[in-house]
C-alpha atoms as a PDB file:
ATOM      1  CA  MET A   1       0.000   0.000   0.000  1.00  0.00           C
ATOM      2  CA  LYS A   2       1.162   3.521  -0.859  1.00  0.00           C
ATOM      3  CA  LEU A   3       0.325   6.345   1.539  1.00  0.00           C
ATOM      4  CA  LEU A   4      -0.240  10.084   1.331  1.00  0.00           C
ATOM      5  CA  LEU A   5      -0.755  11.190   4.928  1.00  0.00           C
ATOM      6  CA  THR A   6      -2.039  14.758   5.043  1.00  0.00           C
ATOM      7  CA  SER A   7      -3.200  17.146   7.716  1.00  0.00           C
ATOM      8  CA  ALA A   8      -6.094  18.607   5.721  1.00  0.00           C
ATOM      9  CA  GLY A   9      -6.461  16.871   2.387  1.00  0.00           C
ATOM     10  CA  VAL A  10      -4.947  17.580  -1.016  1.00  0.00           C
ATOM     11  CA  LYS A  11      -4.783  21.333  -0.548  1.00  0.00           C
ATOM     12  CA  ASN A  12      -2.100  22.477  -2.976  1.00  0.00           C
ATOM     13  CA  PRO A  13      -0.416  21.636  -6.299  1.00  0.00           C
ATOM     14  CA  SER A  14       2.504  19.824  -4.644  1.00  0.00           C
ATOM     15  CA  LEU A  15       0.205  17.420  -2.799  1.00  0.00           C
ATOM     16  CA  HIS A  16      -1.883  16.977  -5.947  1.00  0.00           C
ATOM     17  CA  ALA A  17       1.208  16.067  -7.964  1.00  0.00           C
ATOM     18  CA  ALA A  18       2.339  13.638  -5.252  1.00  0.00           C
ATOM     19  CA  LEU A  19      -1.056  11.930  -5.337  1.00  0.00           C
ATOM     20  CA  VAL A  20      -0.996  11.546  -9.119  1.00  0.00           C
ATOM     21  CA  GLY A  21       2.516  10.131  -8.862  1.00  0.00           C
ATOM     22  CA  LEU A  22       1.401   7.521  -6.351  1.00  0.00           C
ATOM     23  CA  LEU A  23      -1.607   6.591  -8.486  1.00  0.00           C
ATOM     24  CA  GLY A  24       0.520   6.244 -11.600  1.00  0.00           C
ATOM     25  CA  LYS A  25      -2.257   7.603 -13.810  1.00  0.00           C
ATOM     26  CA  PRO A  26      -4.574  10.624 -13.984  1.00  0.00           C
ATOM     27  CA  ILE A  27      -7.138  11.101 -11.245  1.00  0.00           C
ATOM     28  CA  ALA A  28      -9.901  11.049 -13.871  1.00  0.00           C
ATOM     29  CA  GLU A  29      -9.011   7.417 -14.615  1.00  0.00           C
ATOM     30  CA  CYS A  30      -9.113   6.275 -10.974  1.00  0.00           C
ATOM     31  CA  ASN A  31     -11.924   4.838  -8.865  1.00  0.00           C
ATOM     32  CA  ALA A  32     -12.115   5.910  -5.224  1.00  0.00           C
ATOM     33  CA  LEU A  33     -13.821   4.766  -2.048  1.00  0.00           C
ATOM     34  CA  CYS A  34     -14.215   7.306   0.739  1.00  0.00           C
ATOM     35  CA  ILE A  35     -14.280   6.319   4.412  1.00  0.00           C
ATOM     36  CA  PRO A  36     -16.139   8.819   6.658  1.00  0.00           C
ATOM     37  CA  THR A  37     -16.124   6.627   9.788  1.00  0.00           C
ATOM     38  CA  ALA A  38     -13.644   8.618  11.896  1.00  0.00           C
ATOM     39  CA  MET A  39     -15.950  11.631  11.799  1.00  0.00           C
ATOM     40  CA  TYR A  40     -18.619   9.923  13.897  1.00  0.00           C
ATOM     41  CA  GLY A  41     -16.322   9.461  16.885  1.00  0.00           C
ATOM     42  CA  HIS A  42     -15.232  13.096  17.208  1.00  0.00           C
ATOM     43  CA  PRO A  43     -17.348  15.425  19.397  1.00  0.00           C
ATOM     44  CA  MET A  44     -16.761  18.419  17.096  1.00  0.00           C
ATOM     45  CA  VAL A  45     -17.789  16.515  13.963  1.00  0.00           C
ATOM     46  CA  GLY A  46     -20.067  13.509  14.484  1.00  0.00           C
ATOM     47  CA  PRO A  47     -22.606  12.193  11.981  1.00  0.00           C
ATOM     48  CA  GLY A  48     -24.672  14.679  10.024  1.00  0.00           C
ATOM     49  CA  TRP A  49     -23.911  17.536   7.672  1.00  0.00           C
ATOM     50  CA  ARG A  50     -20.125  17.454   7.951  1.00  0.00           C
ATOM     51  CA  ALA A  51     -20.014  13.795   6.968  1.00  0.00           C
ATOM     52  CA  TRP A  52     -22.282  14.630   4.037  1.00  0.00           C
ATOM     53  CA  GLU A  53     -19.974  17.491   3.014  1.00  0.00           C
ATOM     54  CA  PHE A  54     -16.979  15.163   2.996  1.00  0.00           C
ATOM     55  CA  ILE A  55     -18.736  12.494   0.941  1.00  0.00           C
ATOM     56  CA  ALA A  56     -20.262  15.041  -1.432  1.00  0.00           C
ATOM     57  CA  GLY A  57     -16.939  16.782  -2.014  1.00  0.00           C
ATOM     58  CA  ARG A  58     -18.069  20.068  -0.481  1.00  0.00           C
ATOM     59  CA  SER A  59     -15.679  20.337   2.430  1.00  0.00           C
ATOM     60  CA  GLU A  60     -12.661  22.595   2.942  1.00  0.00           C
ATOM     61  CA  THR A  61     -10.383  19.549   2.891  1.00  0.00           C
ATOM     62  CA  PRO A  62     -10.137  18.404  -0.756  1.00  0.00           C
ATOM     63  CA  MET A  63     -10.494  14.641  -1.097  1.00  0.00           C
ATOM     64  CA  CYS A  64     -13.655  13.467  -2.854  1.00  0.00           C
ATOM     65  CA  GLU A  65     -13.889  16.525  -5.119  1.00  0.00           C
ATOM     66  CA  LEU A  66     -10.653  15.982  -7.047  1.00  0.00           C
ATOM     67  CA  GLY A  67     -12.260  14.650 -10.229  1.00  0.00           C
ATOM     68  CA  TRP A  68     -12.270  10.882  -9.712  1.00  0.00           C
ATOM     69  CA  LYS A  69     -13.737   8.542 -12.307  1.00  0.00           C
ATOM     70  CA  SER A  70     -16.068   7.329  -9.544  1.00  0.00           C
ATOM     71  CA  VAL A  71     -16.441   7.769  -5.778  1.00  0.00           C
ATOM     72  CA  GLY A  72     -18.135   5.239  -3.515  1.00  0.00           C
ATOM     73  CA  VAL A  73     -18.613   5.091   0.249  1.00  0.00           C
ATOM     74  CA  LEU A  74     -17.077   2.434   2.475  1.00  0.00           C
ATOM     75  CA  GLU A  75     -18.736   2.725   5.889  1.00  0.00           C
ATOM     76  CA  LEU A  76     -16.703   0.595   8.296  1.00  0.00           C
ATOM     77  CA  THR A  77     -19.348   0.360  11.024  1.00  0.00           C
ATOM     78  CA  ALA A  78     -21.646  -1.459   8.571  1.00  0.00           C
ATOM     79  CA  LEU A  79     -19.132  -4.046   7.368  1.00  0.00           C
ATOM     80  CA  PRO A  80     -19.317  -6.517  10.299  1.00  0.00           C
ATOM     81  CA  SER A  81     -23.019  -7.015   9.531  1.00  0.00           C
ATOM     82  CA  ILE A  82     -22.564  -8.029   5.878  1.00  0.00           C
ATOM     83  CA  ASP A  83     -20.691 -10.829   4.133  1.00  0.00           C
ATOM     84  CA  GLU A  84     -17.101 -10.115   3.109  1.00  0.00           C
ATOM     85  CA  ASP A  85     -17.853 -10.959  -0.508  1.00  0.00           C
ATOM     86  CA  ARG A  86     -20.118  -7.903  -0.578  1.00  0.00           C
ATOM     87  CA  TRP A  87     -17.296  -5.448   0.133  1.00  0.00           C
ATOM     88  CA  VAL A  88     -13.817  -6.999  -0.036  1.00  0.00           C
ATOM     89  CA  PRO A  89     -13.816  -7.263  -3.860  1.00  0.00           C
ATOM     90  CA  LYS A  90     -14.802  -3.594  -4.105  1.00  0.00           C
ATOM     91  CA  VAL A  91     -11.863  -2.600  -1.921  1.00  0.00           C
ATOM     92  CA  ARG A  92      -9.452  -4.745  -3.907  1.00  0.00           C
ATOM     93  CA  GLU A  93     -10.650  -3.222  -7.184  1.00  0.00           C
ATOM     94  CA  THR A  94     -10.443   0.425  -6.125  1.00  0.00           C
ATOM     95  CA  ASP A  95      -7.449   2.620  -6.866  1.00  0.00           C
ATOM     96  CA  VAL A  96      -7.575   4.848  -3.802  1.00  0.00           C
ATOM     97  CA  LEU A  97      -9.081   5.016  -0.315  1.00  0.00           C
ATOM     98  CA  LEU A  98      -9.935   8.547   0.856  1.00  0.00           C
ATOM     99  CA  VAL A  99     -10.063   8.555   4.636  1.00  0.00           C
ATOM    100  CA  ALA A 100     -11.703  11.406   6.553  1.00  0.00           C
ATOM    101  CA  GLY A 101     -10.501  12.992   9.756  1.00  0.00           C
ATOM    102  CA  GLY A 102     -12.215  12.798  13.109  1.00  0.00           C
ATOM    103  CA  ASP A 103     -11.172  10.474  15.917  1.00  0.00           C
ATOM    104  CA  ALA A 104      -8.179   8.265  15.144  1.00  0.00           C
ATOM    105  CA  LEU A 105      -8.854   5.702  17.895  1.00  0.00           C
ATOM    106  CA  TYR A 106     -12.483   5.316  16.807  1.00  0.00           C
ATOM    107  CA  LEU A 107     -11.280   4.788  13.240  1.00  0.00           C
ATOM    108  CA  ALA A 108      -8.629   2.257  14.323  1.00  0.00           C
ATOM    109  CA  HIS A 109     -11.246   0.341  16.312  1.00  0.00           C
ATOM    110  CA  TRP A 110     -13.588   0.044  13.342  1.00  0.00           C
ATOM    111  CA  MET A 111     -10.786  -0.796  10.948  1.00  0.00           C
ATOM    112  CA  ARG A 112     -10.020  -3.767  13.164  1.00  0.00           C
ATOM    113  CA  GLN A 113     -13.651  -4.710  13.797  1.00  0.00           C
ATOM    114  CA  SER A 114     -14.552  -4.509  10.116  1.00  0.00           C
ATOM    115  CA  GLY A 115     -11.588  -6.538   8.885  1.00  0.00           C
ATOM    116  CA  LEU A 116     -10.164  -3.688   6.797  1.00  0.00           C
ATOM    117  CA  ALA A 117      -7.009  -3.529   8.926  1.00  0.00           C
ATOM    118  CA  ASP A 118      -6.290  -7.196   8.175  1.00  0.00           C
ATOM    119  CA  LEU A 119      -6.821  -6.559   4.464  1.00  0.00           C
ATOM    120  CA  LEU A 120      -4.323  -3.690   4.190  1.00  0.00           C
ATOM    121  CA  PRO A 121      -1.122  -5.749   3.687  1.00  0.00           C
ATOM    122  CA  SER A 122      -2.585  -7.339   0.558  1.00  0.00           C
ATOM    123  CA  LEU A 123      -3.495  -3.997  -1.053  1.00  0.00           C
ATOM    124  CA  ARG A 124      -0.069  -3.467  -2.590  1.00  0.00           C
ATOM    125  CA  ASP A 125      -1.130  -1.098  -5.392  1.00  0.00           C
ATOM    126  CA  THR A 126      -3.827   0.804  -3.504  1.00  0.00           C
ATOM    127  CA  VAL A 127      -3.210   4.405  -2.438  1.00  0.00           C
ATOM    128  CA  TRP A 128      -4.357   5.498   1.028  1.00  0.00           C
ATOM    129  CA  VAL A 129      -4.983   9.231   1.316  1.00  0.00           C
ATOM    130  CA  GLY A 130      -5.475  10.214   4.930  1.00  0.00           C
ATOM    131  CA  LEU A 131      -6.813  13.455   6.352  1.00  0.00           C
ATOM    132  CA  SER A 132      -5.784  14.215   9.954  1.00  0.00           C
ATOM    133  CA  ALA A 133      -7.125  11.201  11.922  1.00  0.00           C
ATOM    134  CA  GLY A 134      -7.209   9.308   8.616  1.00  0.00           C
ATOM    135  CA  SER A 135      -3.426   9.778   8.581  1.00  0.00           C
ATOM    136  CA  MET A 136      -2.799   9.329  12.302  1.00  0.00           C
ATOM    137  CA  VAL A 137      -4.520   5.931  12.290  1.00  0.00           C
ATOM    138  CA  MET A 138      -1.602   4.499  10.293  1.00  0.00           C
ATOM    139  CA  THR A 139       0.914   5.423  13.010  1.00  0.00           C
ATOM    140  CA  PRO A 140       1.873   3.360  16.093  1.00  0.00           C
ATOM    141  CA  ARG A 141       0.239   5.747  18.570  1.00  0.00           C
ATOM    142  CA  ILE A 142      -1.313   9.207  18.698  1.00  0.00           C
ATOM    143  CA  GLY A 143      -0.285  10.424  22.154  1.00  0.00           C
ATOM    144  CA  ALA A 144      -2.475  11.373  25.100  1.00  0.00           C
ATOM    145  CA  ASP A 145      -3.162  14.858  23.709  1.00  0.00           C
ATOM    146  CA  PHE A 146      -5.256  13.402  20.883  1.00  0.00           C
ATOM    147  CA  VAL A 147      -7.196  10.786  22.830  1.00  0.00           C
ATOM    148  CA  GLY A 148     -10.920  11.500  22.679  1.00  0.00           C
ATOM    149  CA  TRP A 149     -13.031   8.409  22.125  1.00  0.00           C
ATOM    150  CA  GLN A 150     -11.890   5.667  24.474  1.00  0.00           C
ATOM    151  CA  PRO A 151     -11.243   2.237  22.914  1.00  0.00           C
ATOM    152  CA  PRO A 152     -12.408  -0.812  24.897  1.00  0.00           C
ATOM    153  CA  GLY A 153      -8.858  -1.648  25.935  1.00  0.00           C
ATOM    154  CA  GLY A 154      -7.812   1.944  26.618  1.00  0.00           C
ATOM    155  CA  GLY A 155      -4.504   3.400  25.495  1.00  0.00           C
ATOM    156  CA  ASP A 156      -3.565   5.454  22.452  1.00  0.00           C
ATOM    157  CA  SER A 157      -2.329   2.741  20.082  1.00  0.00           C
ATOM    158  CA  THR A 158      -3.305   2.834  16.430  1.00  0.00           C
ATOM    159  CA  LEU A 159      -2.386   0.500  13.545  1.00  0.00           C
ATOM    160  CA  GLY A 160       1.388   0.927  13.277  1.00  0.00           C
ATOM    161  CA  VAL A 161       1.554   0.669   9.504  1.00  0.00           C
ATOM    162  CA  VAL A 162       4.291   3.318   9.622  1.00  0.00           C
ATOM    163  CA  ASP A 163       6.895   3.750  12.361  1.00  0.00           C
ATOM    164  CA  PHE A 164       6.340   7.431  13.124  1.00  0.00           C
ATOM    165  CA  SER A 165       3.586   9.487  14.757  1.00  0.00           C
ATOM    166  CA  ILE A 166       1.908  12.624  13.380  1.00  0.00           C
ATOM    167  CA  PHE A 167       0.947  15.925  14.991  1.00  0.00           C
ATOM    168  CA  PRO A 168      -1.466  17.511  12.456  1.00  0.00           C
ATOM    169  CA  HIS A 169      -2.828  21.043  11.966  1.00  0.00           C
ATOM    170  CA  LEU A 170       0.354  22.748  13.117  1.00  0.00           C
ATOM    171  CA  ASP A 171      -0.199  26.507  13.668  1.00  0.00           C
ATOM    172  CA  HIS A 172      -3.874  26.281  12.704  1.00  0.00           C
ATOM    173  CA  PRO A 173      -5.562  29.619  13.529  1.00  0.00           C
ATOM    174  CA  ASP A 174      -8.556  27.900  15.131  1.00  0.00           C
ATOM    175  CA  LEU A 175      -6.403  25.593  17.265  1.00  0.00           C
ATOM    176  CA  PRO A 176      -4.273  27.737  19.593  1.00  0.00           C
ATOM    177  CA  GLU A 177      -3.017  24.576  21.308  1.00  0.00           C
ATOM    178  CA  ASN A 178      -1.305  23.421  18.087  1.00  0.00           C
ATOM    179  CA  THR A 179       1.875  25.492  18.206  1.00  0.00           C
ATOM    180  CA  MET A 180       5.331  24.088  17.527  1.00  0.00           C
ATOM    181  CA  ALA A 181       6.023  24.217  21.262  1.00  0.00           C
ATOM    182  CA  ASP A 182       2.903  22.101  21.837  1.00  0.00           C
ATOM    183  CA  ALA A 183       4.057  19.659  19.152  1.00  0.00           C
ATOM    184  CA  GLU A 184       7.490  19.336  20.757  1.00  0.00           C
ATOM    185  CA  SER A 185       5.948  18.675  24.165  1.00  0.00           C
ATOM    186  CA  TRP A 186       3.664  16.044  22.612  1.00  0.00           C
ATOM    187  CA  ALA A 187       6.611  14.436  20.819  1.00  0.00           C
ATOM    188  CA  ALA A 188       8.639  14.270  24.042  1.00  0.00           C
ATOM    189  CA  ALA A 189       5.840  12.222  25.612  1.00  0.00           C
ATOM    190  CA  ILE A 190       5.666   9.978  22.524  1.00  0.00           C
ATOM    191  CA  GLY A 191       9.406   9.331  22.741  1.00  0.00           C
ATOM    192  CA  ALA A 192       9.620   7.939  19.201  1.00  0.00           C
ATOM    193  CA  PRO A 193       9.993   9.367  15.668  1.00  0.00           C
ATOM    194  CA  ALA A 194       7.276  11.879  14.820  1.00  0.00           C
ATOM    195  CA  PHE A 195       6.409  14.715  12.457  1.00  0.00           C
ATOM    196  CA  ALA A 196       4.546  17.957  13.081  1.00  0.00           C
ATOM    197  CA  ILE A 197       2.793  19.049   9.867  1.00  0.00           C
ATOM    198  CA  ASP A 198       0.576  21.956   8.921  1.00  0.00           C
ATOM    199  CA  ASP A 199      -2.423  21.901   6.589  1.00  0.00           C
ATOM    200  CA  GLU A 200      -0.262  22.474   3.499  1.00  0.00           C
ATOM    201  CA  THR A 201       1.879  19.415   4.194  1.00  0.00           C
ATOM    202  CA  GLY A 202       1.689  15.673   3.669  1.00  0.00           C
ATOM    203  CA  ILE A 203       3.918  12.647   4.217  1.00  0.00           C
ATOM    204  CA  ARG A 204       4.422  10.323   1.238  1.00  0.00           C
ATOM    205  CA  VAL A 205       5.245   6.668   1.932  1.00  0.00           C
ATOM    206  CA  ALA A 206       6.020   4.372  -0.999  1.00  0.00           C
ATOM    207  CA  ASP A 207       8.412   1.512  -1.678  1.00  0.00           C
ATOM    208  CA  GLY A 208       9.864   1.764   1.800  1.00  0.00           C
ATOM    209  CA  LEU A 209      10.710   5.453   1.426  1.00  0.00           C
ATOM    210  CA  VAL A 210       9.287   8.324   3.486  1.00  0.00           C
ATOM    211  CA  ASP A 211       9.422  11.927   2.323  1.00  0.00           C
ATOM    212  CA  ILE A 212       7.695  15.230   3.012  1.00  0.00           C
ATOM    213  CA  VAL A 213       5.557  17.037   0.429  1.00  0.00           C
ATOM    214  CA  SER A 214       4.924  20.583   1.585  1.00  0.00           C
ATOM    215  CA  GLU A 215       4.080  24.135   0.653  1.00  0.00           C
ATOM    216  CA  GLY A 216       3.879  25.017   4.327  1.00  0.00           C
ATOM    217  CA  ARG A 217       5.607  24.277   7.641  1.00  0.00           C
ATOM    218  CA  TRP A 218       6.676  21.002   9.161  1.00  0.00           C
ATOM    219  CA  LYS A 219       9.321  19.563  11.478  1.00  0.00           C
ATOM    220  CA  ARG A 220      10.697  16.122  12.200  1.00  0.00           C
ATOM    221  CA  LEU A 221      10.651  15.467  15.936  1.00  0.00           C
ATOM    222  CA  ASN A 222      12.571  12.806  17.894  1.00  0.00           C
ATOM    223  CA  PRO A 223      14.794  11.844  14.916  1.00  0.00           C
END
């Protein structure tokens, strides 16, 4: 699986070019599935109009509105109640998974419960585009600062697909607690490799290589 882990979607030409490079063909030739699940677990988002905006491509975080050949919805909370042959083939056939922000622990829980987490290693050519929590879920842990929804077993562990953690929305004007000093304090508690990234930045992971794609501000923490 190839990853583009963003703070706020595909917000600038550099991120757009990185996405096309990962896909290996134009966006207009690619089929997408969007995953809104993380939104439901976050108290500032939840189900309702914001989830609809994401799916409909009318949000301020460009994901579904990029001009895909087709966009479907993969709702993880529904998957345990239907047979795998109803959804697994659709995931295998899609070019890209567009994963909304919200609560990373809630998303990790439903990725495990649905079986999607177990499917990831076999999706070698699929591109995962994460937005905030949709990016953080691929890391080993999110840190106490980002714990909202409490998983049944507690803790702050996520899927560990990559070996670094992510502090998103660096210097966001509506999040005064997201300064670089806050990110460094968070990273000290994590005690492992991490990146602080703003909304114009993403982390590209492909073929074992990790690099930053940015038109904004970022910093590697705990190198």
